[in-house]
Amino acid sequence: MLKSLRQVKRTKLLLDSKDILPLCFVGLTAFSLLSFFFILFLSFKVNQLAARKTTFVQLVNGRALVISEQDYLYRHPEVIKNTVKQWANLTFNWDGVIVGTKELDKGRDIGKGKRVTTNAYSASFLIQQGNLGFRQTALQALAEITPSRVFSGQVASKIIISYLSTPRQTKMGEWEVDMVATRVLVNLSGGADEEIPINRTFTLRAVDIPEPPSPTASALEQQLYEIRSAGLEITKISEFTPNN
């Protein structure tokens, strides 16, 4: 009887295996729940990042820009329209002097005694080159309609764009834009001005965006980069007849 009482009063220092198993189960369950909620939290954050289409970046000069993730061949409609506008302005706006200077624009020789204005020559790099392109053909045609008096400062030209359509995507990375414009030839030495309608449909395609030029690059290299920085080139220019 006394021996039995001593066994009852003795402190139990070690847990039996049947007591350890429930504790392990509870600990494992708690760890699994924590892991589950952590994975849910990570998934929520990843979905937030995946759904984020636009973000802001700030350049070293302080300018803030909005950028969005798009397909490599995607070009914003305004970028496409501005490329057409840029080509038209450079090609048909002549004032007889080189931009930013008072130096008379002698033009660029394109062969066979033909010349185009310096800006028009720069704009021609927006046109597709190579065997499939028509840059040289376009330069020859432009030289035919460029009065020789423009190189002596007697004639100026200004293009007035009345309408520029929203780009129509014809296939991935290719668009068409219609332009209704008037080219005004001004006789600086006297005489009547001349108005010439220029209604064209431009076909453009997405191309590789060039690398920024080095700080030591020439003025021509800087200008060519700015012209091609949109990653677009003109592959076709055809007549456009506006609907009456």
Protein backbone atom coordinates (compact mmCIF):
# COMPACT_ATOMS: atom_id res chain seq x y z
CA MET A 1 0.00 0.00 0.00
CA LEU A 2 2.82 2.41 0.92
CA LYS A 3 4.69 1.57 -2.28
CA SER A 4 1.66 2.45 -4.35
CA LEU A 5 1.31 5.84 -2.70
CA ARG A 6 4.96 6.64 -3.44
CA GLN A 7 4.44 5.83 -7.10
CA VAL A 8 1.48 8.23 -7.27
CA LYS A 9 3.35 11.12 -5.63
CA ARG A 10 6.49 10.76 -7.79
CA THR A 11 6.86 13.72 -10.28
CA LYS A 12 6.65 12.79 -13.94
CA LEU A 13 9.79 14.35 -15.54
CA LEU A 14 9.65 12.73 -19.00
CA LEU A 15 6.75 12.68 -21.45
CA ASP A 16 5.59 9.43 -22.88
CA SER A 17 5.48 8.96 -26.66
CA LYS A 18 1.68 9.10 -26.57
CA ASP A 19 1.96 12.63 -25.14
CA ILE A 20 4.59 13.86 -27.66
CA LEU A 21 2.64 12.90 -30.80
CA PRO A 22 -0.30 15.31 -30.20
CA LEU A 23 2.13 18.18 -29.55
CA CYS A 24 4.00 17.42 -32.76
CA PHE A 25 0.73 17.34 -34.67
CA VAL A 26 -0.36 20.70 -33.24
CA GLY A 27 3.04 22.25 -34.08
CA LEU A 28 3.00 20.87 -37.62
CA THR A 29 -0.53 22.14 -38.15
CA ALA A 30 0.39 25.63 -36.94
CA PHE A 31 3.47 25.69 -39.18
CA SER A 32 1.39 24.58 -42.18
CA LEU A 33 -1.17 27.32 -41.55
CA LEU A 34 1.53 29.96 -41.29
CA SER A 35 3.12 28.73 -44.51
CA PHE A 36 -0.26 28.76 -46.25
CA PHE A 37 -1.01 32.36 -45.25
CA PHE A 38 2.51 33.44 -46.23
CA ILE A 39 2.10 31.89 -49.69
CA LEU A 40 -1.27 33.63 -50.05
CA PHE A 41 0.36 36.95 -49.16
CA LEU A 42 3.16 36.42 -51.70
CA SER A 43 0.64 35.44 -54.39
CA PHE A 44 -1.35 38.61 -53.71
CA LYS A 45 1.76 40.78 -54.07
CA VAL A 46 2.85 39.00 -57.28
CA ASN A 47 -0.62 39.50 -58.78
CA GLN A 48 -0.42 43.19 -57.91
CA LEU A 49 2.92 43.50 -59.72
CA ALA A 50 1.63 41.52 -62.70
CA ALA A 51 -1.41 43.78 -62.99
CA ARG A 52 0.69 46.94 -62.87
CA LYS A 53 0.81 48.18 -66.48
CA THR A 54 2.24 51.65 -65.99
CA THR A 55 4.87 53.14 -63.77
CA PHE A 56 6.84 56.34 -63.40
CA VAL A 57 10.53 56.87 -64.01
CA GLN A 58 12.55 59.98 -63.35
CA LEU A 59 15.48 60.91 -65.56
CA VAL A 60 18.68 62.44 -64.29
CA ASN A 61 17.59 65.81 -65.68
CA GLY A 62 14.54 65.76 -63.43
CA ARG A 63 11.93 64.90 -66.05
CA ALA A 64 9.32 62.36 -65.01
CA LEU A 65 7.98 59.91 -67.59
CA VAL A 66 5.19 57.34 -67.63
CA ILE A 67 6.17 53.96 -69.03
CA SER A 68 3.99 50.94 -69.76
CA GLU A 69 4.75 47.35 -70.57
CA GLN A 70 3.78 46.51 -74.15
CA ASP A 71 4.68 44.14 -76.95
CA TYR A 72 8.00 44.86 -78.66
CA LEU A 73 6.22 45.83 -81.91
CA TYR A 74 3.66 48.07 -80.19
CA ARG A 75 3.78 51.80 -80.91
CA HIS A 76 1.41 54.33 -79.34
CA PRO A 77 -0.95 55.97 -81.89
CA GLU A 78 0.33 59.45 -81.02
CA VAL A 79 3.92 58.33 -81.58
CA ILE A 80 2.96 57.05 -85.05
CA LYS A 81 1.15 60.29 -85.93
CA ASN A 82 4.04 62.40 -84.65
CA THR A 83 6.45 60.44 -86.86
CA VAL A 84 4.40 61.31 -89.94
CA LYS A 85 4.13 64.93 -88.79
CA GLN A 86 7.87 65.07 -88.16
CA TRP A 87 8.65 63.78 -91.65
CA ALA A 88 6.24 66.24 -93.29
CA ASN A 89 7.55 69.25 -91.36
CA LEU A 90 11.21 68.46 -92.02
CA THR A 91 10.58 67.66 -95.67
CA PHE A 92 8.44 70.64 -96.65
CA ASN A 93 9.27 73.44 -94.23
CA TRP A 94 12.05 75.48 -95.86
CA ASP A 95 13.17 78.95 -94.89
CA GLY A 96 16.48 79.07 -96.76
CA VAL A 97 18.72 78.81 -93.68
CA ILE A 98 20.09 75.98 -91.57
CA VAL A 99 18.06 75.52 -88.39
CA GLY A 100 19.54 77.28 -85.38
CA THR A 101 21.88 79.41 -87.48
CA LYS A 102 21.78 82.30 -89.92
CA GLU A 103 23.81 80.31 -92.42
CA LEU A 104 22.29 79.93 -95.86
CA ASP A 105 21.19 76.36 -96.53
CA LYS A 106 23.06 75.14 -99.61
CA GLY A 107 21.25 71.78 -99.42
CA ARG A 108 22.58 68.27 -99.88
CA ASP A 109 23.74 66.91 -103.22
CA ILE A 110 21.97 63.65 -104.07
CA GLY A 111 23.61 63.15 -107.47
CA LYS A 112 23.03 64.25 -111.05
CA GLY A 113 23.21 67.88 -110.00
CA LYS A 114 20.11 67.56 -107.86
CA ARG A 115 19.81 68.93 -104.33
CA VAL A 116 17.37 68.83 -101.44
CA THR A 117 17.29 70.93 -98.30
CA THR A 118 19.33 69.78 -95.30
CA ASN A 119 16.22 69.05 -93.23
CA ALA A 120 14.61 67.11 -96.05
CA TYR A 121 17.76 65.02 -96.37
CA SER A 122 17.65 64.24 -92.65
CA ALA A 123 13.94 63.38 -92.86
CA SER A 124 14.69 60.87 -95.62
CA PHE A 125 16.25 58.58 -93.01
CA LEU A 126 12.72 57.92 -91.78
CA ILE A 127 12.09 56.16 -95.10
CA GLN A 128 12.87 52.48 -95.54
CA GLN A 129 16.29 51.92 -97.06
CA GLY A 130 17.99 49.05 -98.86
CA ASN A 131 16.75 46.95 -101.75
CA LEU A 132 13.19 46.92 -100.42
CA GLY A 133 13.13 50.61 -99.58
CA PHE A 134 12.54 53.75 -101.66
CA ARG A 135 14.62 56.39 -99.87
CA GLN A 136 16.73 57.28 -102.91
CA THR A 137 13.65 57.35 -105.15
CA ALA A 138 11.92 59.68 -102.70
CA LEU A 139 14.94 61.98 -102.60
CA GLN A 140 15.03 62.17 -106.40
CA ALA A 141 11.30 62.98 -106.53
CA LEU A 142 11.70 65.62 -103.83
CA ALA A 143 14.61 67.22 -105.67
CA GLU A 144 12.39 67.57 -108.75
CA ILE A 145 9.88 69.71 -106.85
CA THR A 146 12.43 71.77 -104.90
CA PRO A 147 12.96 75.17 -106.58
CA SER A 148 16.62 76.04 -107.01
CA ARG A 149 15.86 79.53 -105.67
CA VAL A 150 15.31 78.06 -102.21
CA PHE A 151 19.09 77.63 -101.89
CA SER A 152 19.64 81.33 -102.49
CA GLY A 153 17.02 82.37 -99.95
CA GLN A 154 14.48 83.61 -102.50
CA VAL A 155 11.81 81.00 -101.83
CA ALA A 156 10.41 79.60 -98.57
CA SER A 157 8.01 76.73 -98.05
CA LYS A 158 5.56 75.90 -95.28
CA ILE A 159 3.33 72.85 -94.88
CA ILE A 160 -0.07 73.21 -93.24
CA ILE A 161 -1.50 69.90 -92.04
CA SER A 162 -5.31 70.00 -91.95
CA TYR A 163 -5.97 66.40 -91.04
CA LEU A 164 -4.02 63.44 -89.72
CA SER A 165 -5.98 60.24 -89.23
CA THR A 166 -5.78 57.84 -86.32
CA PRO A 167 -3.36 55.05 -87.29
CA ARG A 168 -5.00 51.93 -88.72
CA GLN A 169 -3.20 48.72 -87.87
CA THR A 170 -2.91 46.55 -90.97
CA LYS A 171 -0.94 43.82 -89.23
CA MET A 172 1.24 43.41 -86.18
CA GLY A 173 3.81 46.18 -86.19
CA GLU A 174 2.41 47.97 -89.28
CA TRP A 175 0.02 50.93 -89.61
CA GLU A 176 -1.48 53.34 -92.15
CA VAL A 177 -2.02 57.07 -91.59
CA ASP A 178 -3.86 59.49 -93.91
CA MET A 179 -2.73 63.11 -94.20
CA VAL A 180 -4.48 66.09 -95.77
CA ALA A 181 -2.11 69.04 -96.09
CA THR A 182 -1.22 72.06 -98.19
CA ARG A 183 2.29 73.19 -99.10
CA VAL A 184 2.62 76.95 -99.47
CA LEU A 185 5.51 78.26 -101.57
CA VAL A 186 6.32 81.85 -100.63
CA ASN A 187 8.27 84.08 -103.04
CA LEU A 188 10.46 86.16 -100.74
CA SER A 189 11.70 88.23 -103.65
CA GLY A 190 8.19 89.17 -104.72
CA GLY A 191 5.53 87.53 -106.81
CA ALA A 192 2.48 85.39 -106.06
CA ASP A 193 2.54 82.59 -103.53
CA GLU A 194 1.63 79.08 -104.62
CA GLU A 195 -0.51 76.54 -102.77
CA ILE A 196 0.00 72.85 -103.53
CA PRO A 197 -2.22 70.15 -101.96
CA ILE A 198 -0.40 67.16 -100.50
CA ASN A 199 -2.79 64.37 -99.62
CA ARG A 200 -0.96 61.15 -98.81
CA THR A 201 -1.40 57.79 -97.11
CA PHE A 202 1.67 56.68 -95.17
CA THR A 203 2.47 53.07 -94.34
CA LEU A 204 4.77 52.68 -91.36
CA ARG A 205 6.29 49.69 -89.62
CA ALA A 206 8.00 49.13 -86.28
CA VAL A 207 11.79 48.71 -86.40
CA ASP A 208 14.57 48.41 -83.84
CA ILE A 209 15.04 51.45 -81.65
CA PRO A 210 18.62 52.72 -82.08
CA GLU A 211 21.10 53.02 -79.25
CA PRO A 212 21.58 56.56 -77.90
CA PRO A 213 24.61 58.28 -79.44
CA SER A 214 27.75 58.91 -77.43
CA PRO A 215 28.40 62.38 -75.93
CA THR A 216 31.03 62.94 -78.63
CA ALA A 217 28.66 62.12 -81.49
CA SER A 218 28.31 64.62 -84.33
CA ALA A 219 25.28 66.86 -84.78
CA LEU A 220 24.14 64.67 -87.68
CA GLU A 221 24.35 61.52 -85.55
CA GLN A 222 22.35 63.23 -82.80
CA GLN A 223 19.69 64.31 -85.28
CA LEU A 224 19.44 60.87 -86.89
CA TYR A 225 18.99 59.30 -83.46
CA GLU A 226 16.17 61.73 -82.64
CA ILE A 227 14.52 61.00 -85.98
CA ARG A 228 14.70 57.21 -85.54
CA SER A 229 14.20 57.09 -81.76
CA ALA A 230 10.50 56.23 -82.11
CA GLY A 231 11.43 52.90 -83.71
CA LEU A 232 9.39 53.54 -86.86
CA GLU A 233 10.09 53.90 -90.56
CA ILE A 234 7.96 54.74 -93.59
CA THR A 235 7.64 51.85 -96.04
CA LYS A 236 5.18 53.40 -98.50
CA ILE A 237 3.72 56.79 -99.47
CA SER A 238 0.72 56.79 -101.77
CA GLU A 239 -1.94 59.23 -102.94
CA PHE A 240 -4.89 59.77 -100.60
CA THR A 241 -8.26 60.94 -101.88
CA PRO A 242 -10.41 62.38 -99.07
CA ASN A 243 -14.07 61.43 -99.11
CA ASN A 244 -16.25 64.26 -100.36
